[in-house]
Amino acid sequence: MKQKLQQYYLLIILHPRYRTLRRFLSEFRRLLTFKRHVVDVFLQLDDPYSYLLSHYLGFVAAQYKLELRIRLIQALRNEYMPEPAMLAEYAFRDCKLLAEELGIPFLDKGSAPVVEHRRPLLDFLAEEEGQLDFQETMHSALSHYWRGDSEAAVRLIGRIRPNPSDTNVLIAKNQLLLRKMGHYNSATMFYAGEWYWGIDRLAYLCSRLDGLRARRKGKKTSEIASLVQAFHISLPARTPASAKRLPTLEMYHSFRSPYSYIALQRTMDIADAFGLKLDIRPVLPMVMSGMAVPKNKLLYIIKDADREAERLSIPFGKVRAPVGRNIERCMAVFFYAKTEGKERDFALAAGRGMFARAIDLASDEGMRLVTEEAGLFWPDVVEAMKDEAWRETVQQNRDALTEVGLWGVPSFVLGDIAMWGQDRHWLLVRQIEDRCEGGDGIMV
């Protein structure tokens, strides 16, 4: 009964009509109260994604008639952030490469962030929050920090009177607001009931504001247009001859992850376009090792995945939340399908079944439907599901993922290139192109 209610709830909130109605009511209330468009932005000083986002906020403010409410926070941890140390290290590498691709200065004034000025900068920002020019002030602080500009940081904070207790109270207050509003992470934007994370989701916010005719007359900044264009993927019409020497493309995949499902077809397309061998390496979801995932994190993930699926024209919305027995059955069948050369077909069919058709793969009826669509012989599937040998391979996959400094899915490894998230497909393509042209690649 609980699973049925959960399924119906997701079916409602992911339906396009529900989203349209919710947006209509939100805008209707705003018009009735004569309020401006307000975007709440939660930024963290030592978060490089916050720095990249802050680089574009001024352009957003110039392009649209809105109010930006910038709030200083620290992202929520514990159950919200399973591997904080690994995330911090990966975020640094990821943002450094993003900044290079997007032409944003990053550690051009020093070799490391100015961590020695972190506390004074926080005190300064806490004192300034709420001022009319706080968006510019926040960007300046983030810029000095992530460009490694110690001298500029000293000049910025030189006039403050530190009051750490007031700073801690403000950050805690903003963290509580972040949680109440339904999120957990920094570099996030909230507008009229919907969340947008970082520069990866900025285009969604701009598109929504465009639909509400909130753009200032004659204003269209080239910086935002360039950002959107940078994320566009253009695959080669013919396989580059130089791609033959490239290593296998590894995709770390979880049958529970909606992002993994969304990434599957595009990853296959990328591998095929460059003539790469693709090795799909499944891992067990972290929740099956006892990790709890808060409700607001789960809701954001499923809503965001739905939004991404719509953009990519991938079936999504009728979700049967996969965990436990259906995941284990999928693992066993996947490795059987691999012996038949049909692992791609099964992974896609299983993903569609769980995230677009609400099929219960813990049942024989549901699994038979999906496996027959993937071209697998049902009696052999039944025998394969009795085999537990997959557990050792799956653990090896998890260990290999950890070795390259990653833990989340989907993740992609190509030689010394390693990156996380289906948001990075465009960057993966850029790196493959660079290597085809004789570059050495880069570890992300």
Protein backbone atom coordinates (compact mmCIF):
# COMPACT_ATOMS: atom_id res chain seq x y z
CA MET A 1 0.00 0.00 0.00
CA LYS A 2 2.85 2.40 0.87
CA GLN A 3 4.52 1.72 -2.49
CA LYS A 4 1.24 2.29 -4.32
CA LEU A 5 0.65 5.61 -2.58
CA GLN A 6 4.22 6.68 -3.30
CA GLN A 7 3.78 5.71 -6.96
CA TYR A 8 0.55 7.73 -7.29
CA TYR A 9 2.14 10.71 -5.55
CA LEU A 10 5.08 10.73 -7.95
CA LEU A 11 2.75 10.28 -10.89
CA ILE A 12 0.89 13.44 -9.87
CA ILE A 13 3.83 15.71 -9.09
CA LEU A 14 5.73 14.67 -12.23
CA HIS A 15 2.80 15.18 -14.56
CA PRO A 16 3.29 18.19 -16.90
CA ARG A 17 -0.23 19.46 -16.14
CA TYR A 18 0.55 19.57 -12.42
CA ARG A 19 3.66 21.63 -13.06
CA THR A 20 1.76 23.95 -15.41
CA LEU A 21 -1.02 24.47 -12.86
CA ARG A 22 1.44 25.06 -10.04
CA ARG A 23 3.32 27.65 -12.07
CA PHE A 24 0.07 29.35 -13.10
CA LEU A 25 -1.12 29.64 -9.50
CA SER A 26 2.26 30.94 -8.38
CA GLU A 27 2.29 33.65 -11.02
CA PHE A 28 -1.37 34.49 -10.33
CA ARG A 29 -0.57 35.07 -6.64
CA ARG A 30 2.40 37.22 -7.54
CA LEU A 31 0.30 39.41 -9.82
CA LEU A 32 -2.46 39.76 -7.22
CA THR A 33 0.01 40.99 -4.62
CA PHE A 34 1.95 43.25 -7.05
CA LYS A 35 5.23 41.58 -6.09
CA ARG A 36 8.39 41.41 -8.16
CA HIS A 37 9.94 38.22 -9.44
CA VAL A 38 12.14 37.05 -6.54
CA VAL A 39 14.93 34.50 -6.83
CA ASP A 40 16.47 33.23 -3.59
CA VAL A 41 20.11 32.23 -4.09
CA PHE A 42 22.08 30.20 -1.53
CA LEU A 43 25.85 30.54 -1.84
CA GLN A 44 28.77 29.11 0.12
CA LEU A 45 32.15 30.81 0.24
CA ASP A 46 34.30 27.67 0.02
CA ASP A 47 32.12 26.01 -2.61
CA PRO A 48 33.56 26.45 -6.13
CA TYR A 49 30.15 25.79 -7.71
CA SER A 50 28.87 28.86 -5.83
CA TYR A 51 31.71 30.88 -7.34
CA LEU A 52 30.88 29.79 -10.89
CA LEU A 53 27.21 30.56 -10.34
CA SER A 54 27.97 33.97 -8.86
CA HIS A 55 29.86 34.83 -12.05
CA TYR A 56 26.55 34.72 -13.97
CA LEU A 57 24.16 36.20 -11.41
CA GLY A 58 25.01 39.77 -12.40
CA PHE A 59 24.11 38.97 -16.00
CA VAL A 60 20.82 37.41 -14.85
CA ALA A 61 20.01 40.56 -12.85
CA ALA A 62 20.83 42.72 -15.88
CA GLN A 63 18.72 40.64 -18.25
CA TYR A 64 15.57 40.19 -16.13
CA LYS A 65 13.29 42.34 -13.99
CA LEU A 66 13.75 40.52 -10.71
CA GLU A 67 15.12 40.68 -7.20
CA LEU A 68 18.01 38.43 -6.24
CA ARG A 69 18.09 37.56 -2.55
CA ILE A 70 21.58 36.25 -1.85
CA ARG A 71 21.97 34.19 1.32
CA LEU A 72 25.23 33.02 2.89
CA ILE A 73 25.15 29.36 3.91
CA GLN A 74 27.08 26.17 4.47
CA ALA A 75 25.60 23.17 2.66
CA LEU A 76 23.86 20.62 4.88
CA ARG A 77 25.95 17.55 5.67
CA ASN A 78 25.45 14.21 7.44
CA GLU A 79 22.81 12.24 5.52
CA TYR A 80 22.69 14.92 2.80
CA MET A 81 26.36 14.53 1.88
CA PRO A 82 27.63 10.92 2.11
CA GLU A 83 31.27 11.65 1.12
CA PRO A 84 32.05 15.29 2.03
CA ALA A 85 35.83 15.00 1.73
CA MET A 86 35.67 13.30 -1.66
CA LEU A 87 33.06 15.80 -2.83
CA ALA A 88 35.25 18.76 -1.87
CA GLU A 89 38.22 17.33 -3.75
CA TYR A 90 36.16 16.43 -6.81
CA ALA A 91 34.33 19.78 -6.86
CA PHE A 92 37.67 21.57 -6.95
CA ARG A 93 38.89 19.56 -9.95
CA ASP A 94 35.55 19.71 -11.71
CA CYS A 95 35.11 23.47 -11.33
CA LYS A 96 38.68 24.15 -12.37
CA LEU A 97 38.02 22.43 -15.68
CA LEU A 98 34.60 24.05 -16.05
CA ALA A 99 36.13 27.48 -15.47
CA GLU A 100 38.76 26.77 -18.11
CA GLU A 101 36.13 25.73 -20.66
CA LEU A 102 33.88 28.71 -19.87
CA GLY A 103 36.63 31.32 -19.68
CA ILE A 104 36.13 32.14 -15.99
CA PRO A 105 39.25 33.08 -13.96
CA PHE A 106 40.11 30.32 -11.50
CA LEU A 107 43.23 30.35 -9.30
CA ASP A 108 44.90 32.77 -11.69
CA LYS A 109 46.18 34.93 -8.81
CA GLY A 110 47.47 32.14 -6.62
CA SER A 111 47.96 28.38 -6.54
CA ALA A 112 45.23 27.69 -3.97
CA PRO A 113 42.10 29.33 -2.49
CA VAL A 114 42.85 31.89 0.22
CA VAL A 115 41.74 29.59 3.04
CA GLU A 116 43.66 31.68 5.58
CA HIS A 117 41.09 34.45 5.00
CA ARG A 118 38.03 32.21 5.04
CA ARG A 119 36.81 33.19 8.52
CA PRO A 120 37.31 36.95 8.10
CA LEU A 121 35.57 36.79 4.71
CA LEU A 122 32.62 34.95 6.29
CA ASP A 123 32.38 37.59 9.02
CA PHE A 124 32.51 40.33 6.40
CA LEU A 125 29.78 38.71 4.29
CA ALA A 126 27.57 38.15 7.34
CA GLU A 127 27.86 41.84 8.14
CA GLU A 128 27.01 42.82 4.56
CA GLU A 129 24.11 40.42 3.88
CA GLY A 130 20.90 42.30 3.23
CA GLN A 131 22.58 45.32 1.65
CA LEU A 132 21.34 46.39 -1.79
CA ASP A 133 24.68 45.57 -3.44
CA PHE A 134 25.20 42.25 -1.64
CA GLN A 135 25.13 40.27 -4.88
CA GLU A 136 28.19 42.18 -6.11
CA THR A 137 29.83 41.93 -2.68
CA MET A 138 29.30 38.18 -2.53
CA HIS A 139 30.71 37.74 -6.01
CA SER A 140 33.77 39.79 -5.06
CA ALA A 141 34.42 37.65 -1.99
CA LEU A 142 33.96 34.41 -3.92
CA SER A 143 36.15 35.72 -6.72
CA HIS A 144 38.99 36.69 -4.38
CA TYR A 145 38.74 33.33 -2.62
CA TRP A 146 38.69 31.12 -5.74
CA ARG A 147 41.14 33.19 -7.75
CA GLY A 148 43.62 32.89 -4.89
CA ASP A 149 43.85 36.67 -4.57
CA SER A 150 45.05 37.15 -1.00
CA GLU A 151 45.77 40.87 -1.36
CA ALA A 152 42.29 41.64 -2.67
CA ALA A 153 40.76 39.58 0.15
CA VAL A 154 42.68 41.59 2.73
CA ARG A 155 41.52 44.86 1.18
CA LEU A 156 37.90 43.66 1.17
CA ILE A 157 37.81 42.61 4.83
CA GLY A 158 40.13 45.28 6.20
CA ARG A 159 37.41 47.46 7.70
CA ILE A 160 35.26 44.87 9.50
CA ARG A 161 34.97 44.11 13.19
CA PRO A 162 34.83 40.31 13.42
CA ASN A 163 31.89 38.86 15.31
CA PRO A 164 31.97 35.09 14.77
CA SER A 165 28.90 34.46 16.91
CA ASP A 166 26.74 36.69 14.72
CA THR A 167 28.13 34.98 11.62
CA ASN A 168 27.32 31.53 12.98
CA VAL A 169 23.79 32.58 13.86
CA LEU A 170 23.19 34.01 10.38
CA ILE A 171 24.52 30.90 8.61
CA ALA A 172 22.45 28.62 10.85
CA LYS A 173 19.36 30.74 10.16
CA ASN A 174 19.93 30.53 6.41
CA GLN A 175 20.56 26.79 6.62
CA LEU A 176 17.24 26.35 8.39
CA LEU A 177 15.53 28.40 5.69
CA LEU A 178 17.18 26.29 3.00
CA ARG A 179 15.89 23.11 4.64
CA LYS A 180 12.37 24.52 5.14
CA MET A 181 12.20 25.61 1.52
CA GLY A 182 13.07 22.07 0.47
CA HIS A 183 16.76 21.86 -0.41
CA TYR A 184 20.10 20.97 1.16
CA ASN A 185 22.87 22.20 -1.12
CA SER A 186 24.71 25.42 -1.90
CA ALA A 187 24.91 27.06 -5.35
CA THR A 188 21.12 26.67 -5.53
CA MET A 189 18.41 29.04 -6.74
CA PHE A 190 14.75 28.97 -5.77
CA TYR A 191 12.04 30.64 -7.81
CA ALA A 192 8.29 30.26 -7.23
CA GLY A 193 8.28 26.68 -6.00
CA GLU A 194 11.13 25.24 -8.07
CA TRP A 195 14.84 24.68 -7.45
CA TYR A 196 17.75 25.16 -9.84
CA TRP A 197 21.28 23.96 -9.01
CA GLY A 198 24.34 25.81 -10.24
CA ILE A 199 25.23 26.85 -13.75
CA ASP A 200 24.00 23.45 -14.95
CA ARG A 201 20.38 24.46 -14.30
CA LEU A 202 20.60 28.21 -14.90
CA ALA A 203 19.15 27.81 -18.40
CA TYR A 204 15.94 26.36 -16.91
CA LEU A 205 15.46 29.42 -14.71
CA CYS A 206 16.13 31.79 -17.62
CA SER A 207 13.70 29.89 -19.83
CA ARG A 208 11.00 30.12 -17.18
CA LEU A 209 11.55 33.86 -16.75
CA ASP A 210 11.44 34.30 -20.51
CA GLY A 211 8.07 32.53 -20.53
CA LEU A 212 6.80 35.03 -17.96
CA ARG A 213 8.06 37.94 -20.10
CA ALA A 214 10.32 39.07 -17.30
CA ARG A 215 13.18 40.02 -19.60
CA ARG A 216 14.11 43.68 -19.68
CA LYS A 217 13.33 45.28 -23.01
CA GLY A 218 16.21 44.87 -25.43
CA LYS A 219 18.33 42.92 -22.91
CA LYS A 220 19.96 39.64 -23.90
CA THR A 221 23.42 39.10 -22.45
CA SER A 222 25.91 37.17 -24.57
CA GLU A 223 27.37 35.54 -21.45
CA ILE A 224 24.22 33.53 -20.70
CA ALA A 225 23.76 32.63 -24.35
CA SER A 226 27.38 31.45 -24.48
CA LEU A 227 26.86 29.33 -21.36
CA VAL A 228 23.88 27.58 -22.94
CA GLN A 229 25.80 27.05 -26.16
CA ALA A 230 28.76 25.57 -24.29
CA PHE A 231 26.54 22.77 -22.96
CA HIS A 232 25.42 21.80 -26.46
CA ILE A 233 26.73 18.45 -27.70
CA SER A 234 27.70 18.01 -31.33
CA LEU A 235 28.79 14.48 -32.20
CA PRO A 236 30.95 13.67 -35.23
CA ALA A 237 29.13 12.42 -38.31
CA ARG A 238 31.98 9.97 -38.95
CA THR A 239 34.20 8.18 -36.46
CA PRO A 240 37.53 10.03 -36.15
CA ALA A 241 40.38 7.76 -37.22
CA SER A 242 42.49 8.91 -34.28
CA ALA A 243 39.82 7.69 -31.85
CA LYS A 244 40.88 4.09 -32.47
CA ARG A 245 43.74 4.46 -30.00
CA LEU A 246 41.49 5.66 -27.16
CA PRO A 247 40.80 3.33 -24.22
CA THR A 248 37.47 1.81 -23.23
CA LEU A 249 34.80 4.23 -22.01
CA GLU A 250 33.56 3.00 -18.62
CA MET A 251 30.16 4.04 -17.31
CA TYR A 252 29.41 3.38 -13.63
CA HIS A 253 25.68 2.80 -13.45
CA SER A 254 23.06 2.20 -10.76
CA PHE A 255 19.67 0.73 -11.56
CA ARG A 256 18.21 2.86 -8.75
CA SER A 257 19.53 6.14 -10.14
CA PRO A 258 17.20 8.08 -12.46
CA TYR A 259 20.22 10.06 -13.66
CA SER A 260 21.92 6.80 -14.69
CA TYR A 261 18.87 5.83 -16.72
CA ILE A 262 18.75 9.26 -18.36
CA ALA A 263 22.45 9.07 -19.18
CA LEU A 264 22.39 5.62 -20.77
CA GLN A 265 21.30 6.40 -24.33
CA ARG A 266 23.44 9.53 -24.64
CA THR A 267 26.49 7.65 -23.34
CA MET A 268 25.90 4.94 -25.91
CA ASP A 269 25.56 7.56 -28.64
CA ILE A 270 28.85 9.19 -27.60
CA ALA A 271 30.69 5.86 -27.53
CA ASP A 272 29.33 4.85 -30.92
CA ALA A 273 30.03 8.24 -32.53
CA PHE A 274 33.71 8.00 -31.56
CA GLY A 275 33.99 4.25 -32.10
CA LEU A 276 34.74 3.59 -28.43
CA LYS A 277 34.12 0.35 -26.63
CA LEU A 278 31.59 0.98 -23.85
CA ASP A 279 31.78 -0.98 -20.61
CA ILE A 280 28.73 -0.46 -18.39
CA ARG A 281 29.83 -1.21 -14.81
CA PRO A 282 26.88 -1.43 -12.40
CA VAL A 283 27.23 -0.65 -8.69
CA LEU A 284 24.81 -1.14 -5.82
CA PRO A 285 23.10 2.03 -4.59
CA MET A 286 24.46 3.42 -1.34
CA VAL A 287 21.02 3.14 0.30
CA MET A 288 21.42 -0.65 0.15
CA SER A 289 24.43 -0.32 2.46
CA GLY A 290 22.36 1.49 5.08
CA MET A 291 22.70 5.11 3.99
CA ALA A 292 19.53 7.13 4.60
CA VAL A 293 18.47 9.71 2.00
CA PRO A 294 16.29 12.60 3.27
CA LYS A 295 12.90 13.13 1.66
CA ASN A 296 13.66 16.61 0.30
CA LYS A 297 16.81 15.31 -1.40
CA LEU A 298 14.89 12.45 -3.00
CA LEU A 299 12.16 14.82 -4.19
CA TYR A 300 14.62 17.25 -5.73
CA ILE A 301 16.45 14.43 -7.52
CA ILE A 302 13.31 12.92 -9.02
CA LYS A 303 11.91 16.30 -10.08
CA ASP A 304 15.21 17.38 -11.57
CA ALA A 305 15.59 14.06 -13.37
CA ASP A 306 12.10 14.48 -14.80
CA ARG A 307 13.05 17.94 -16.06
CA GLU A 308 16.24 16.59 -17.66
CA ALA A 309 14.40 13.65 -19.23
CA GLU A 310 11.91 16.03 -20.82
CA ARG A 311 14.75 18.13 -22.26
CA LEU A 312 16.35 15.02 -23.76
CA SER A 313 13.02 13.51 -24.95
CA ILE A 314 13.48 10.45 -22.74
CA PRO A 315 10.36 8.64 -21.40
CA PHE A 316 9.97 9.37 -17.68
CA GLY A 317 7.37 9.98 -15.00
CA LYS A 318 5.69 6.70 -14.09
CA VAL A 319 8.15 5.70 -11.39
CA ARG A 320 8.34 2.50 -9.40
CA ALA A 321 11.00 3.40 -6.84
CA PRO A 322 13.63 0.66 -7.27
CA VAL A 323 15.44 -0.73 -4.24
CA GLY A 324 16.22 -4.08 -2.64
CA ARG A 325 15.11 -7.21 -4.45
CA ASN A 326 14.39 -5.64 -7.82
CA ILE A 327 17.89 -4.09 -7.90
CA GLU A 328 19.51 -7.43 -7.05
CA ARG A 329 17.48 -9.19 -9.75
CA CYS A 330 18.52 -6.51 -12.24
CA MET A 331 22.17 -7.08 -11.36
CA ALA A 332 21.94 -10.82 -11.94
CA VAL A 333 20.08 -10.40 -15.23
CA PHE A 334 22.47 -7.68 -16.43
CA PHE A 335 25.48 -9.97 -16.20
CA TYR A 336 23.58 -12.74 -17.96
CA ALA A 337 22.57 -10.25 -20.66
CA LYS A 338 26.23 -9.30 -21.02
CA THR A 339 27.11 -12.88 -21.98
CA GLU A 340 24.49 -12.57 -24.72
CA GLY A 341 25.77 -9.19 -25.90
CA LYS A 342 22.50 -7.55 -24.81
CA GLU A 343 23.55 -5.61 -21.70
CA ARG A 344 22.70 -2.29 -23.38
CA ASP A 345 19.24 -3.50 -24.34
CA PHE A 346 18.50 -4.78 -20.86
CA ALA A 347 19.83 -1.70 -19.05
CA LEU A 348 17.66 0.56 -21.21
CA ALA A 349 14.59 -1.67 -20.91
CA ALA A 350 14.98 -1.96 -17.12
CA GLY A 351 15.38 1.82 -16.79
CA ARG A 352 12.29 2.50 -18.88
CA GLY A 353 10.40 -0.10 -16.91
CA MET A 354 11.20 1.43 -13.51
CA PHE A 355 11.19 5.14 -14.40
CA ALA A 356 8.72 5.45 -17.28
CA ARG A 357 6.28 2.55 -16.89
CA ALA A 358 6.23 1.81 -13.13
CA ILE A 359 6.98 -1.87 -13.71
CA ASP A 360 7.81 -3.90 -10.62
CA LEU A 361 10.97 -5.83 -11.49
CA ALA A 362 10.78 -7.67 -8.17
CA SER A 363 7.90 -9.63 -9.73
CA ASP A 364 8.37 -12.34 -12.36
CA GLU A 365 5.66 -10.78 -14.48
CA GLY A 366 7.44 -7.43 -14.60
CA MET A 367 10.91 -8.89 -15.13
CA ARG A 368 9.68 -11.18 -17.90
CA LEU A 369 8.10 -8.28 -19.74
CA VAL A 370 11.31 -6.24 -19.60
CA THR A 371 13.72 -9.07 -20.43
CA GLU A 372 11.68 -10.24 -23.41
CA GLU A 373 11.70 -6.68 -24.73
CA ALA A 374 15.51 -6.80 -24.40
CA GLY A 375 15.59 -10.01 -26.45
CA LEU A 376 16.44 -12.36 -23.59
CA PHE A 377 15.14 -15.94 -23.19
CA TRP A 378 12.96 -16.13 -20.07
CA PRO A 379 13.95 -19.65 -18.84
CA ASP A 380 17.62 -18.55 -18.96
CA VAL A 381 16.71 -15.34 -17.12
CA VAL A 382 15.07 -17.37 -14.35
CA GLU A 383 18.24 -19.43 -13.93
CA ALA A 384 20.44 -16.31 -14.04
CA MET A 385 18.52 -14.70 -11.17
CA LYS A 386 19.55 -17.61 -8.93
CA ASP A 387 23.24 -16.84 -9.46
CA GLU A 388 24.95 -14.66 -6.82
CA ALA A 389 28.31 -14.41 -8.60
CA TRP A 390 27.57 -10.83 -9.65
CA ARG A 391 28.15 -9.55 -6.11
CA GLU A 392 31.93 -9.87 -6.33
CA THR A 393 32.09 -8.04 -9.68
CA VAL A 394 29.82 -5.28 -8.45
CA GLN A 395 32.03 -4.76 -5.39
CA GLN A 396 35.06 -4.58 -7.67
CA ASN A 397 33.24 -1.91 -9.66
CA ARG A 398 32.60 0.10 -6.50
CA ASP A 399 36.26 -0.20 -5.50
CA ALA A 400 37.41 0.92 -8.95
CA LEU A 401 35.10 3.93 -8.80
CA THR A 402 36.50 4.91 -5.42
CA GLU A 403 40.06 4.62 -6.73
CA VAL A 404 39.44 7.40 -9.26
CA GLY A 405 38.04 9.65 -6.54
CA LEU A 406 34.34 9.22 -7.31
CA TRP A 407 31.39 7.58 -5.57
CA GLY A 408 28.24 8.84 -7.30
CA VAL A 409 26.53 7.68 -10.47
CA PRO A 410 26.53 7.95 -13.35
CA SER A 411 30.28 8.40 -13.58
CA PHE A 412 32.47 8.10 -16.65
CA VAL A 413 36.10 7.02 -16.93
CA LEU A 414 38.19 7.11 -20.10
CA GLY A 415 41.82 6.46 -19.34
CA ASP A 416 42.85 9.29 -17.01
CA ILE A 417 39.60 11.19 -17.57
CA ALA A 418 37.06 10.70 -14.79
CA MET A 419 33.89 12.73 -14.31
CA TRP A 420 30.58 12.43 -12.53
CA GLY A 421 27.04 13.16 -13.68
CA GLN A 422 25.07 13.13 -16.90
CA ASP A 423 25.48 16.94 -16.81
CA ARG A 424 29.07 16.36 -17.90
CA HIS A 425 28.35 14.62 -21.20
CA TRP A 426 29.26 17.81 -23.07
CA LEU A 427 32.55 18.02 -21.21
CA LEU A 428 33.26 14.35 -21.83
CA VAL A 429 32.81 14.95 -25.56
CA ARG A 430 35.19 17.93 -25.41
CA GLN A 431 37.83 15.81 -23.68
CA ILE A 432 37.46 13.00 -26.22
CA GLU A 433 37.80 15.51 -29.04
CA ASP A 434 40.95 16.92 -27.45
CA ARG A 435 42.49 13.47 -27.20
CA CYS A 436 41.57 12.73 -30.80
CA GLU A 437 43.47 15.86 -31.78
CA GLY A 438 46.58 14.69 -29.98
CA GLY A 439 46.01 16.03 -26.48
CA ASP A 440 46.90 14.01 -23.42
CA GLY A 441 43.55 14.41 -21.68
CA ILE A 442 43.04 15.57 -18.14
CA MET A 443 42.02 13.91 -14.89
CA VAL A 444 38.88 15.62 -13.63
